[in-house]
N, C-alpha and C. Protein backbone atom coordinates (compact mmCIF):
# COMPACT_ATOMS: atom_id res chain seq x y z
N MET A 1 41.35 58.87 21.03
CA MET A 1 40.35 57.89 21.35
C MET A 1 40.29 57.74 22.86
N ASN A 2 39.10 57.66 23.34
CA ASN A 2 38.88 57.57 24.77
C ASN A 2 38.86 56.11 25.17
N ASN A 3 39.76 55.68 26.03
CA ASN A 3 39.89 54.29 26.46
C ASN A 3 39.33 54.08 27.85
N THR A 4 38.34 54.77 28.18
CA THR A 4 37.75 54.60 29.50
C THR A 4 36.97 53.30 29.54
N PRO A 5 36.83 52.70 30.72
CA PRO A 5 36.08 51.47 30.83
C PRO A 5 34.64 51.62 30.37
N ASN A 6 34.06 52.79 30.56
CA ASN A 6 32.67 53.00 30.15
C ASN A 6 32.54 52.97 28.63
N SER A 7 33.49 53.53 27.88
CA SER A 7 33.41 53.53 26.41
C SER A 7 33.62 52.12 25.87
N LYS A 8 34.52 51.33 26.48
CA LYS A 8 34.71 49.93 26.05
C LYS A 8 33.42 49.14 26.28
N TYR A 9 32.77 49.41 27.37
CA TYR A 9 31.51 48.74 27.68
C TYR A 9 30.46 49.08 26.63
N ASN A 10 30.38 50.35 26.23
CA ASN A 10 29.40 50.79 25.22
C ASN A 10 29.69 50.15 23.86
N ILE A 11 30.96 50.02 23.49
CA ILE A 11 31.33 49.40 22.21
C ILE A 11 30.93 47.92 22.21
N ILE A 12 31.25 47.21 23.27
CA ILE A 12 30.89 45.78 23.36
C ILE A 12 29.37 45.63 23.35
N LYS A 13 28.69 46.49 24.07
CA LYS A 13 27.23 46.45 24.12
C LYS A 13 26.65 46.69 22.73
N SER A 14 27.19 47.64 21.98
CA SER A 14 26.71 47.94 20.62
C SER A 14 26.95 46.76 19.69
N ILE A 15 28.12 46.13 19.79
CA ILE A 15 28.43 44.96 18.95
C ILE A 15 27.45 43.83 19.23
N ILE A 16 27.16 43.59 20.49
CA ILE A 16 26.23 42.52 20.87
C ILE A 16 24.83 42.83 20.35
N ILE A 17 24.39 44.04 20.48
CA ILE A 17 23.05 44.43 20.01
C ILE A 17 22.98 44.31 18.50
N LEU A 18 24.00 44.80 17.78
CA LEU A 18 24.02 44.70 16.32
C LEU A 18 24.04 43.24 15.86
N SER A 19 24.81 42.41 16.54
CA SER A 19 24.86 40.98 16.21
C SER A 19 23.50 40.34 16.41
N GLY A 20 22.85 40.68 17.49
CA GLY A 20 21.51 40.13 17.77
C GLY A 20 20.51 40.55 16.72
N ILE A 21 20.54 41.82 16.32
CA ILE A 21 19.62 42.32 15.29
C ILE A 21 19.89 41.61 13.96
N MET A 22 21.16 41.44 13.60
CA MET A 22 21.51 40.75 12.35
C MET A 22 21.02 39.31 12.37
N MET A 23 21.17 38.66 13.51
CA MET A 23 20.71 37.26 13.61
C MET A 23 19.20 37.19 13.46
N LEU A 24 18.48 38.10 14.10
CA LEU A 24 17.02 38.10 14.00
C LEU A 24 16.56 38.37 12.57
N LEU A 25 17.22 39.32 11.90
CA LEU A 25 16.82 39.65 10.53
C LEU A 25 17.20 38.55 9.53
N SER A 26 18.24 37.82 9.81
CA SER A 26 18.67 36.78 8.87
C SER A 26 17.84 35.50 9.00
N CYS A 27 17.13 35.31 10.09
CA CYS A 27 16.29 34.12 10.28
C CYS A 27 14.98 34.29 9.54
N GLU A 28 14.67 33.31 8.71
CA GLU A 28 13.40 33.33 8.00
C GLU A 28 12.79 31.95 8.10
N ASN A 29 11.71 31.81 8.80
CA ASN A 29 11.07 30.52 8.98
C ASN A 29 9.81 30.44 8.13
N ASN A 30 9.73 29.39 7.39
CA ASN A 30 8.52 29.10 6.64
C ASN A 30 7.60 28.33 7.59
N ILE A 31 6.43 28.86 7.85
CA ILE A 31 5.51 28.26 8.82
C ILE A 31 5.19 26.81 8.45
N LYS A 32 4.99 26.54 7.16
CA LYS A 32 4.66 25.16 6.73
C LYS A 32 5.81 24.20 7.02
N GLU A 33 7.05 24.68 6.83
CA GLU A 33 8.20 23.84 7.13
C GLU A 33 8.27 23.51 8.62
N VAL A 34 8.06 24.51 9.43
CA VAL A 34 8.10 24.30 10.88
C VAL A 34 7.01 23.34 11.31
N GLU A 35 5.78 23.51 10.75
CA GLU A 35 4.67 22.62 11.09
C GLU A 35 4.96 21.19 10.67
N SER A 36 5.57 21.02 9.47
CA SER A 36 5.85 19.66 9.01
C SER A 36 6.91 18.98 9.88
N LEU A 37 7.84 19.77 10.41
CA LEU A 37 8.87 19.21 11.28
C LEU A 37 8.32 18.83 12.65
N THR A 38 7.37 19.63 13.13
CA THR A 38 6.84 19.38 14.47
C THR A 38 5.58 18.53 14.46
N SER A 39 5.04 18.25 13.29
CA SER A 39 3.81 17.48 13.19
C SER A 39 4.07 15.99 13.40
N ASN A 40 3.08 15.29 13.92
CA ASN A 40 3.17 13.83 14.08
C ASN A 40 2.69 13.10 12.83
N LYS A 41 2.24 13.85 11.82
CA LYS A 41 1.81 13.23 10.56
C LYS A 41 3.04 12.61 9.91
N ASN A 42 2.83 11.60 9.12
CA ASN A 42 3.87 10.87 8.38
C ASN A 42 4.81 10.10 9.31
N VAL A 43 4.51 10.06 10.58
CA VAL A 43 5.29 9.27 11.52
C VAL A 43 4.54 7.96 11.73
N PRO A 44 5.21 6.83 11.61
CA PRO A 44 4.50 5.56 11.81
C PRO A 44 3.82 5.49 13.16
N LEU A 45 2.55 5.07 13.13
CA LEU A 45 1.80 4.89 14.37
C LEU A 45 2.15 3.56 15.01
N GLN A 46 2.32 2.54 14.16
CA GLN A 46 2.67 1.20 14.64
C GLN A 46 3.62 0.55 13.64
N LYS A 47 4.45 -0.33 14.14
CA LYS A 47 5.34 -1.14 13.31
C LYS A 47 5.33 -2.55 13.86
N GLY A 48 5.57 -3.51 12.99
CA GLY A 48 5.62 -4.88 13.48
C GLY A 48 6.30 -5.79 12.48
N LYS A 49 6.72 -6.94 12.96
CA LYS A 49 7.34 -7.97 12.11
C LYS A 49 6.59 -9.27 12.32
N ASP A 50 6.50 -10.06 11.24
CA ASP A 50 5.79 -11.34 11.27
C ASP A 50 4.40 -11.18 11.88
N VAL A 51 3.59 -10.36 11.21
CA VAL A 51 2.27 -9.98 11.69
C VAL A 51 1.19 -10.82 11.02
N GLU A 52 0.11 -11.13 11.76
CA GLU A 52 -1.06 -11.79 11.20
C GLU A 52 -2.29 -10.99 11.62
N TYR A 53 -3.10 -10.62 10.64
CA TYR A 53 -4.38 -9.93 10.88
C TYR A 53 -5.50 -10.91 10.61
N ILE A 54 -6.53 -10.85 11.42
CA ILE A 54 -7.73 -11.65 11.18
C ILE A 54 -8.91 -10.69 11.15
N PHE A 55 -9.62 -10.64 10.00
CA PHE A 55 -10.79 -9.80 9.83
C PHE A 55 -12.02 -10.69 9.99
N THR A 56 -12.89 -10.35 10.93
CA THR A 56 -14.06 -11.19 11.19
C THR A 56 -15.35 -10.38 11.05
N ASP A 57 -16.45 -11.12 10.87
CA ASP A 57 -17.78 -10.53 10.88
C ASP A 57 -18.67 -11.51 11.63
N SER A 58 -19.22 -11.10 12.75
CA SER A 58 -20.05 -11.97 13.59
C SER A 58 -19.30 -13.26 13.94
N THR A 59 -18.08 -13.12 14.36
CA THR A 59 -17.16 -14.20 14.77
C THR A 59 -16.76 -15.15 13.64
N LYS A 60 -17.15 -14.88 12.40
CA LYS A 60 -16.73 -15.70 11.25
C LYS A 60 -15.54 -15.02 10.58
N ILE A 61 -14.52 -15.79 10.30
CA ILE A 61 -13.33 -15.25 9.65
C ILE A 61 -13.67 -14.93 8.20
N GLN A 62 -13.41 -13.67 7.80
CA GLN A 62 -13.59 -13.24 6.41
C GLN A 62 -12.26 -13.26 5.67
N TYR A 63 -11.24 -12.67 6.28
CA TYR A 63 -9.92 -12.56 5.67
C TYR A 63 -8.86 -12.77 6.74
N ARG A 64 -7.73 -13.26 6.28
CA ARG A 64 -6.52 -13.29 7.11
C ARG A 64 -5.41 -12.70 6.26
N ALA A 65 -4.59 -11.87 6.87
CA ALA A 65 -3.45 -11.27 6.18
C ALA A 65 -2.19 -11.56 6.97
N PHE A 66 -1.15 -11.95 6.25
CA PHE A 66 0.14 -12.26 6.85
C PHE A 66 1.18 -11.33 6.24
N ALA A 67 2.11 -10.83 7.06
CA ALA A 67 3.15 -9.95 6.55
C ALA A 67 4.44 -10.15 7.33
N LYS A 68 5.57 -10.04 6.61
CA LYS A 68 6.88 -10.12 7.25
C LYS A 68 7.18 -8.82 8.00
N GLU A 69 6.68 -7.71 7.44
CA GLU A 69 6.90 -6.41 8.08
C GLU A 69 5.65 -5.55 7.85
N PHE A 70 5.27 -4.78 8.86
CA PHE A 70 4.05 -3.98 8.82
C PHE A 70 4.35 -2.59 9.35
N ILE A 71 3.84 -1.54 8.64
CA ILE A 71 3.99 -0.16 9.09
C ILE A 71 2.64 0.53 8.91
N GLU A 72 2.08 1.07 10.00
CA GLU A 72 0.84 1.83 9.93
C GLU A 72 1.20 3.31 10.01
N THR A 73 0.71 4.10 9.04
CA THR A 73 1.06 5.52 8.96
C THR A 73 -0.20 6.34 8.76
N ASP A 74 -0.23 7.53 9.34
CA ASP A 74 -1.34 8.46 9.17
C ASP A 74 -0.79 9.71 8.51
N THR A 75 -1.29 10.03 7.31
CA THR A 75 -0.84 11.21 6.58
C THR A 75 -2.01 12.15 6.36
N GLU A 76 -1.74 13.28 5.73
CA GLU A 76 -2.81 14.22 5.41
C GLU A 76 -3.80 13.59 4.44
N GLU A 77 -3.32 12.68 3.58
CA GLU A 77 -4.19 11.99 2.62
C GLU A 77 -5.03 10.90 3.28
N GLY A 78 -4.64 10.44 4.44
CA GLY A 78 -5.39 9.41 5.14
C GLY A 78 -4.46 8.36 5.73
N LYS A 79 -5.07 7.42 6.43
CA LYS A 79 -4.32 6.35 7.08
C LYS A 79 -4.08 5.21 6.09
N PHE A 80 -2.88 4.64 6.12
CA PHE A 80 -2.61 3.46 5.31
C PHE A 80 -1.69 2.51 6.04
N ASN A 81 -1.80 1.24 5.67
CA ASN A 81 -0.93 0.20 6.19
C ASN A 81 -0.03 -0.23 5.06
N GLU A 82 1.26 -0.34 5.34
CA GLU A 82 2.22 -0.71 4.31
C GLU A 82 2.90 -2.01 4.71
N PHE A 83 3.10 -2.86 3.72
CA PHE A 83 3.76 -4.15 3.91
C PHE A 83 4.95 -4.19 2.94
N PRO A 84 6.08 -3.55 3.31
CA PRO A 84 7.19 -3.38 2.37
C PRO A 84 7.88 -4.67 1.96
N LYS A 85 7.74 -5.72 2.73
CA LYS A 85 8.36 -7.00 2.36
C LYS A 85 7.31 -8.00 1.88
N GLY A 86 6.12 -7.51 1.57
CA GLY A 86 5.08 -8.34 1.00
C GLY A 86 4.33 -9.16 2.02
N GLY A 87 3.50 -10.06 1.48
CA GLY A 87 2.71 -10.90 2.35
C GLY A 87 1.65 -11.65 1.57
N LYS A 88 0.64 -12.13 2.30
CA LYS A 88 -0.42 -12.95 1.72
C LYS A 88 -1.75 -12.58 2.36
N ILE A 89 -2.81 -12.56 1.53
CA ILE A 89 -4.17 -12.35 2.00
C ILE A 89 -4.97 -13.59 1.62
N ILE A 90 -5.70 -14.14 2.57
CA ILE A 90 -6.56 -15.30 2.31
C ILE A 90 -7.99 -14.91 2.64
N SER A 91 -8.91 -15.18 1.71
CA SER A 91 -10.32 -14.90 1.92
C SER A 91 -11.05 -16.22 2.18
N TYR A 92 -12.09 -16.13 3.02
CA TYR A 92 -12.85 -17.33 3.38
C TYR A 92 -14.32 -17.16 3.02
N ASP A 93 -14.95 -18.27 2.61
CA ASP A 93 -16.40 -18.30 2.37
C ASP A 93 -17.12 -18.31 3.71
N LYS A 94 -18.45 -18.26 3.65
CA LYS A 94 -19.25 -18.26 4.88
C LYS A 94 -19.04 -19.52 5.72
N ASP A 95 -18.74 -20.64 5.05
CA ASP A 95 -18.49 -21.88 5.79
C ASP A 95 -17.03 -21.99 6.24
N GLU A 96 -16.28 -20.87 6.09
CA GLU A 96 -14.88 -20.74 6.50
C GLU A 96 -13.92 -21.63 5.72
N THR A 97 -14.31 -22.03 4.49
CA THR A 97 -13.36 -22.68 3.59
C THR A 97 -12.67 -21.60 2.78
N GLU A 98 -11.45 -21.86 2.35
CA GLU A 98 -10.68 -20.86 1.62
C GLU A 98 -11.31 -20.58 0.26
N ALA A 99 -11.58 -19.30 -0.02
CA ALA A 99 -12.19 -18.89 -1.29
C ALA A 99 -11.13 -18.48 -2.32
N TRP A 100 -10.16 -17.70 -1.88
CA TRP A 100 -9.07 -17.26 -2.75
C TRP A 100 -7.94 -16.73 -1.90
N GLN A 101 -6.79 -16.53 -2.56
CA GLN A 101 -5.64 -15.92 -1.86
C GLN A 101 -4.82 -15.11 -2.84
N ILE A 102 -4.16 -14.10 -2.32
CA ILE A 102 -3.28 -13.24 -3.11
C ILE A 102 -1.96 -13.09 -2.36
N GLU A 103 -0.86 -13.27 -3.08
CA GLU A 103 0.48 -13.05 -2.53
C GLU A 103 1.18 -11.99 -3.36
N ALA A 104 2.02 -11.18 -2.71
CA ALA A 104 2.79 -10.15 -3.41
C ALA A 104 4.04 -9.83 -2.61
N ASN A 105 5.01 -9.23 -3.29
CA ASN A 105 6.25 -8.84 -2.62
C ASN A 105 6.16 -7.45 -1.99
N TYR A 106 5.06 -6.73 -2.26
CA TYR A 106 4.82 -5.42 -1.65
C TYR A 106 3.31 -5.21 -1.61
N ALA A 107 2.81 -4.63 -0.54
CA ALA A 107 1.37 -4.33 -0.45
C ALA A 107 1.15 -3.06 0.35
N LYS A 108 0.06 -2.39 0.01
CA LYS A 108 -0.34 -1.17 0.71
C LYS A 108 -1.86 -1.20 0.83
N ASN A 109 -2.37 -0.93 2.02
CA ASN A 109 -3.81 -0.92 2.27
C ASN A 109 -4.23 0.49 2.65
N TYR A 110 -5.09 1.10 1.80
CA TYR A 110 -5.64 2.41 2.08
C TYR A 110 -6.89 2.18 2.92
N VAL A 111 -6.81 2.42 4.21
CA VAL A 111 -7.80 1.98 5.18
C VAL A 111 -9.18 2.56 4.91
N SER A 112 -9.32 3.87 4.79
CA SER A 112 -10.65 4.47 4.64
C SER A 112 -11.30 4.11 3.30
N GLU A 113 -10.49 3.90 2.28
CA GLU A 113 -11.02 3.55 0.96
C GLU A 113 -11.26 2.04 0.81
N GLU A 114 -10.77 1.25 1.77
CA GLU A 114 -10.84 -0.20 1.71
C GLU A 114 -10.27 -0.72 0.38
N LEU A 115 -9.11 -0.19 0.03
CA LEU A 115 -8.44 -0.52 -1.22
C LEU A 115 -7.04 -1.04 -0.94
N TRP A 116 -6.71 -2.17 -1.55
CA TRP A 116 -5.38 -2.76 -1.44
C TRP A 116 -4.66 -2.58 -2.77
N GLU A 117 -3.39 -2.20 -2.68
CA GLU A 117 -2.51 -2.13 -3.84
C GLU A 117 -1.42 -3.18 -3.62
N LEU A 118 -1.35 -4.14 -4.52
CA LEU A 118 -0.36 -5.22 -4.40
C LEU A 118 0.57 -5.14 -5.60
N ARG A 119 1.88 -5.21 -5.35
CA ARG A 119 2.87 -5.03 -6.41
C ARG A 119 3.95 -6.11 -6.34
N ASN A 120 4.63 -6.25 -7.47
CA ASN A 120 5.84 -7.07 -7.59
C ASN A 120 5.56 -8.56 -7.40
N ASP A 121 5.47 -9.24 -8.51
CA ASP A 121 5.25 -10.69 -8.53
C ASP A 121 3.98 -11.08 -7.77
N VAL A 122 2.86 -10.53 -8.22
CA VAL A 122 1.57 -10.79 -7.60
C VAL A 122 1.01 -12.10 -8.15
N ILE A 123 0.57 -12.97 -7.24
CA ILE A 123 -0.04 -14.25 -7.61
C ILE A 123 -1.36 -14.37 -6.87
N ALA A 124 -2.45 -14.45 -7.64
CA ALA A 124 -3.78 -14.63 -7.05
C ALA A 124 -4.29 -16.01 -7.46
N LYS A 125 -4.85 -16.75 -6.50
CA LYS A 125 -5.34 -18.11 -6.76
C LYS A 125 -6.78 -18.23 -6.28
N SER A 126 -7.62 -18.82 -7.13
CA SER A 126 -9.02 -19.05 -6.75
C SER A 126 -9.19 -20.48 -6.25
N ASP A 127 -10.33 -20.74 -5.61
CA ASP A 127 -10.58 -22.09 -5.09
C ASP A 127 -10.83 -23.11 -6.20
N ASP A 128 -11.15 -22.64 -7.43
CA ASP A 128 -11.38 -23.58 -8.54
C ASP A 128 -10.13 -23.79 -9.40
N GLY A 129 -8.97 -23.33 -8.94
CA GLY A 129 -7.71 -23.65 -9.61
C GLY A 129 -7.17 -22.60 -10.56
N LYS A 130 -7.81 -21.46 -10.71
CA LYS A 130 -7.28 -20.40 -11.57
C LYS A 130 -6.14 -19.68 -10.85
N THR A 131 -5.13 -19.28 -11.63
CA THR A 131 -4.01 -18.50 -11.09
C THR A 131 -3.83 -17.27 -11.95
N ILE A 132 -3.74 -16.12 -11.33
CA ILE A 132 -3.51 -14.85 -12.02
C ILE A 132 -2.13 -14.35 -11.62
N ASN A 133 -1.31 -14.03 -12.62
CA ASN A 133 0.02 -13.47 -12.38
C ASN A 133 0.09 -12.09 -13.02
N THR A 134 0.57 -11.11 -12.26
CA THR A 134 0.74 -9.75 -12.75
C THR A 134 1.75 -9.03 -11.85
N GLU A 135 2.12 -7.84 -12.24
CA GLU A 135 3.04 -7.04 -11.42
C GLU A 135 2.31 -6.01 -10.57
N LEU A 136 1.03 -5.77 -10.88
CA LEU A 136 0.24 -4.80 -10.12
C LEU A 136 -1.20 -5.29 -10.08
N LEU A 137 -1.78 -5.31 -8.89
CA LEU A 137 -3.17 -5.73 -8.74
C LEU A 137 -3.80 -4.89 -7.64
N TYR A 138 -5.02 -4.45 -7.90
CA TYR A 138 -5.79 -3.71 -6.89
C TYR A 138 -6.94 -4.60 -6.44
N TRP A 139 -7.22 -4.57 -5.14
CA TRP A 139 -8.37 -5.27 -4.59
C TRP A 139 -9.23 -4.24 -3.89
N ASP A 140 -10.43 -4.01 -4.43
CA ASP A 140 -11.38 -3.08 -3.86
C ASP A 140 -12.35 -3.88 -2.99
N GLN A 141 -12.18 -3.77 -1.67
CA GLN A 141 -13.00 -4.55 -0.73
C GLN A 141 -14.47 -4.13 -0.77
N LYS A 142 -14.74 -2.84 -0.97
CA LYS A 142 -16.13 -2.36 -0.99
C LYS A 142 -16.88 -2.95 -2.18
N LYS A 143 -16.25 -2.90 -3.35
CA LYS A 143 -16.90 -3.37 -4.57
C LYS A 143 -16.69 -4.87 -4.81
N LYS A 144 -15.83 -5.49 -4.01
CA LYS A 144 -15.49 -6.91 -4.14
C LYS A 144 -14.94 -7.21 -5.53
N LEU A 145 -14.00 -6.35 -5.98
CA LEU A 145 -13.38 -6.48 -7.29
C LEU A 145 -11.87 -6.56 -7.16
N ILE A 146 -11.24 -7.25 -8.11
CA ILE A 146 -9.79 -7.18 -8.30
C ILE A 146 -9.56 -6.73 -9.74
N TYR A 147 -8.50 -5.95 -9.96
CA TYR A 147 -8.25 -5.45 -11.31
C TYR A 147 -6.81 -4.99 -11.45
N SER A 148 -6.40 -4.85 -12.72
CA SER A 148 -5.06 -4.36 -13.02
C SER A 148 -5.09 -3.72 -14.40
N ASP A 149 -4.26 -2.70 -14.59
CA ASP A 149 -4.11 -2.09 -15.91
C ASP A 149 -2.77 -2.47 -16.53
N GLN A 150 -2.17 -3.54 -16.02
CA GLN A 150 -0.89 -4.01 -16.53
C GLN A 150 -1.03 -5.44 -17.06
N TYR A 151 0.03 -5.91 -17.70
CA TYR A 151 0.04 -7.25 -18.27
C TYR A 151 -0.43 -8.27 -17.23
N VAL A 152 -1.26 -9.21 -17.70
CA VAL A 152 -1.77 -10.25 -16.81
C VAL A 152 -1.73 -11.59 -17.53
N ARG A 153 -1.46 -12.64 -16.78
CA ARG A 153 -1.44 -14.01 -17.29
C ARG A 153 -2.35 -14.84 -16.38
N ILE A 154 -3.34 -15.48 -16.99
CA ILE A 154 -4.27 -16.31 -16.24
C ILE A 154 -4.10 -17.75 -16.69
N THR A 155 -3.88 -18.63 -15.73
CA THR A 155 -3.74 -20.06 -16.00
C THR A 155 -4.88 -20.79 -15.32
N LYS A 156 -5.62 -21.57 -16.12
CA LYS A 156 -6.73 -22.35 -15.56
C LYS A 156 -6.22 -23.70 -15.12
N GLU A 157 -7.02 -24.39 -14.31
CA GLU A 157 -6.63 -25.68 -13.75
C GLU A 157 -6.29 -26.71 -14.83
N ASP A 158 -6.98 -26.64 -15.99
CA ASP A 158 -6.73 -27.60 -17.07
C ASP A 158 -5.54 -27.24 -17.94
N GLY A 159 -4.82 -26.15 -17.60
CA GLY A 159 -3.61 -25.78 -18.32
C GLY A 159 -3.81 -24.68 -19.35
N GLN A 160 -5.02 -24.25 -19.59
CA GLN A 160 -5.26 -23.16 -20.52
C GLN A 160 -4.60 -21.89 -20.00
N VAL A 161 -3.99 -21.14 -20.91
CA VAL A 161 -3.31 -19.91 -20.54
C VAL A 161 -3.87 -18.76 -21.36
N LEU A 162 -4.27 -17.70 -20.70
CA LEU A 162 -4.75 -16.49 -21.35
C LEU A 162 -3.87 -15.33 -20.90
N GLU A 163 -3.53 -14.45 -21.83
CA GLU A 163 -2.73 -13.27 -21.51
C GLU A 163 -3.45 -12.03 -22.01
N GLY A 164 -3.28 -10.93 -21.32
CA GLY A 164 -3.92 -9.68 -21.72
C GLY A 164 -3.19 -8.49 -21.17
N THR A 165 -3.65 -7.32 -21.62
CA THR A 165 -2.99 -6.07 -21.19
C THR A 165 -3.59 -5.52 -19.90
N SER A 166 -4.77 -6.01 -19.52
CA SER A 166 -5.41 -5.59 -18.28
C SER A 166 -6.57 -6.53 -18.00
N PHE A 167 -7.12 -6.46 -16.78
CA PHE A 167 -8.28 -7.29 -16.45
C PHE A 167 -9.07 -6.69 -15.31
N THR A 168 -10.32 -7.13 -15.21
CA THR A 168 -11.20 -6.81 -14.09
C THR A 168 -11.93 -8.10 -13.75
N SER A 169 -12.15 -8.35 -12.46
CA SER A 169 -12.81 -9.57 -12.05
C SER A 169 -13.49 -9.38 -10.70
N ASP A 170 -14.50 -10.22 -10.44
CA ASP A 170 -15.00 -10.29 -9.07
C ASP A 170 -13.88 -10.90 -8.24
N GLU A 171 -13.89 -10.68 -6.93
CA GLU A 171 -12.78 -11.12 -6.10
C GLU A 171 -12.61 -12.64 -6.06
N LYS A 172 -13.67 -13.40 -6.38
CA LYS A 172 -13.55 -14.86 -6.39
C LYS A 172 -13.03 -15.39 -7.73
N MET A 173 -12.81 -14.47 -8.68
CA MET A 173 -12.25 -14.78 -10.00
C MET A 173 -13.18 -15.66 -10.83
N ASN A 174 -14.49 -15.50 -10.67
CA ASN A 174 -15.45 -16.26 -11.47
C ASN A 174 -15.78 -15.55 -12.78
N GLU A 175 -15.84 -14.23 -12.78
CA GLU A 175 -16.18 -13.44 -13.95
C GLU A 175 -15.01 -12.52 -14.31
N ILE A 176 -14.12 -13.00 -15.15
CA ILE A 176 -12.92 -12.25 -15.52
C ILE A 176 -13.12 -11.61 -16.89
N ARG A 177 -12.83 -10.32 -16.98
CA ARG A 177 -12.86 -9.58 -18.24
C ARG A 177 -11.45 -9.09 -18.52
N MET A 178 -10.96 -9.39 -19.74
CA MET A 178 -9.60 -9.01 -20.11
C MET A 178 -9.62 -8.16 -21.37
N LYS A 179 -8.55 -7.39 -21.57
CA LYS A 179 -8.37 -6.61 -22.80
C LYS A 179 -7.19 -7.18 -23.57
N LYS A 180 -7.33 -7.14 -24.91
CA LYS A 180 -6.28 -7.61 -25.84
C LYS A 180 -5.81 -9.01 -25.43
N VAL A 181 -6.73 -9.95 -25.49
CA VAL A 181 -6.51 -11.31 -25.01
C VAL A 181 -5.81 -12.15 -26.08
N SER A 182 -4.89 -12.99 -25.64
CA SER A 182 -4.28 -14.02 -26.48
C SER A 182 -4.04 -15.23 -25.59
N GLY A 183 -3.90 -16.41 -26.22
CA GLY A 183 -3.62 -17.58 -25.40
C GLY A 183 -4.13 -18.86 -26.02
N GLU A 184 -4.09 -19.92 -25.24
CA GLU A 184 -4.53 -21.24 -25.66
C GLU A 184 -5.84 -21.57 -24.97
N VAL A 185 -6.81 -22.04 -25.77
CA VAL A 185 -8.10 -22.44 -25.22
C VAL A 185 -8.38 -23.85 -25.69
N TYR A 186 -8.73 -24.74 -24.78
CA TYR A 186 -9.06 -26.12 -25.10
C TYR A 186 -10.57 -26.29 -25.15
N LEU A 187 -11.05 -26.88 -26.23
CA LEU A 187 -12.47 -27.13 -26.39
C LEU A 187 -12.73 -28.62 -26.34
N LYS A 188 -13.84 -29.03 -25.76
CA LYS A 188 -14.22 -30.43 -25.70
C LYS A 188 -15.21 -30.71 -26.83
N ASP A 189 -15.03 -31.82 -27.46
CA ASP A 189 -15.95 -32.26 -28.52
C ASP A 189 -17.16 -32.88 -27.83
N LYS A 190 -18.37 -32.35 -28.14
CA LYS A 190 -19.58 -32.86 -27.51
C LYS A 190 -19.85 -34.32 -27.89
N ASN A 191 -19.33 -34.76 -29.05
CA ASN A 191 -19.56 -36.12 -29.52
C ASN A 191 -18.59 -37.11 -28.88
N GLU A 192 -17.55 -36.58 -28.28
CA GLU A 192 -16.52 -37.45 -27.67
C GLU A 192 -17.06 -38.03 -26.36
N LYS A 193 -16.81 -39.32 -26.16
CA LYS A 193 -17.30 -39.98 -24.94
C LYS A 193 -16.24 -40.14 -23.91
């Protein structure tokens, strides 16, 4: 075996080149994985605590939203606002009196669709004393509807209680439609004075 400095140099050089080639061949990058790691999508745009939103139209308050925690995120599906610790939404009539309110322990607002998803101990109250309790409620701002496909309990101001498997209503809770309804209904006798 030749132990000249030149042959040792060639052996080390060959080992380094072979190692480099092996490293290059063993690396396999999925382009989608790399893009998802380097993309700003799914990264919160804004965060906040104890937040209040005021939605106005021609300087008149339409809605106010309160949240303990707020996260705004932009994904491939679209922009949404998340309220992981819940909050409250209050709607106002044109004369700026309170029309209704909804509270929940979790909320998500799909911005472009103008759709709110409210979950976990949802309580909606109308200005005429109706209360709706459910675990899931959607509020469609465009259509001015609230609805749920889960169990719902509606209590009227006079104590009447209606229960159903789902419901749809205008956002002011004046026209409520329920499925598989049960409950107590009080009727007034027309002859009673």
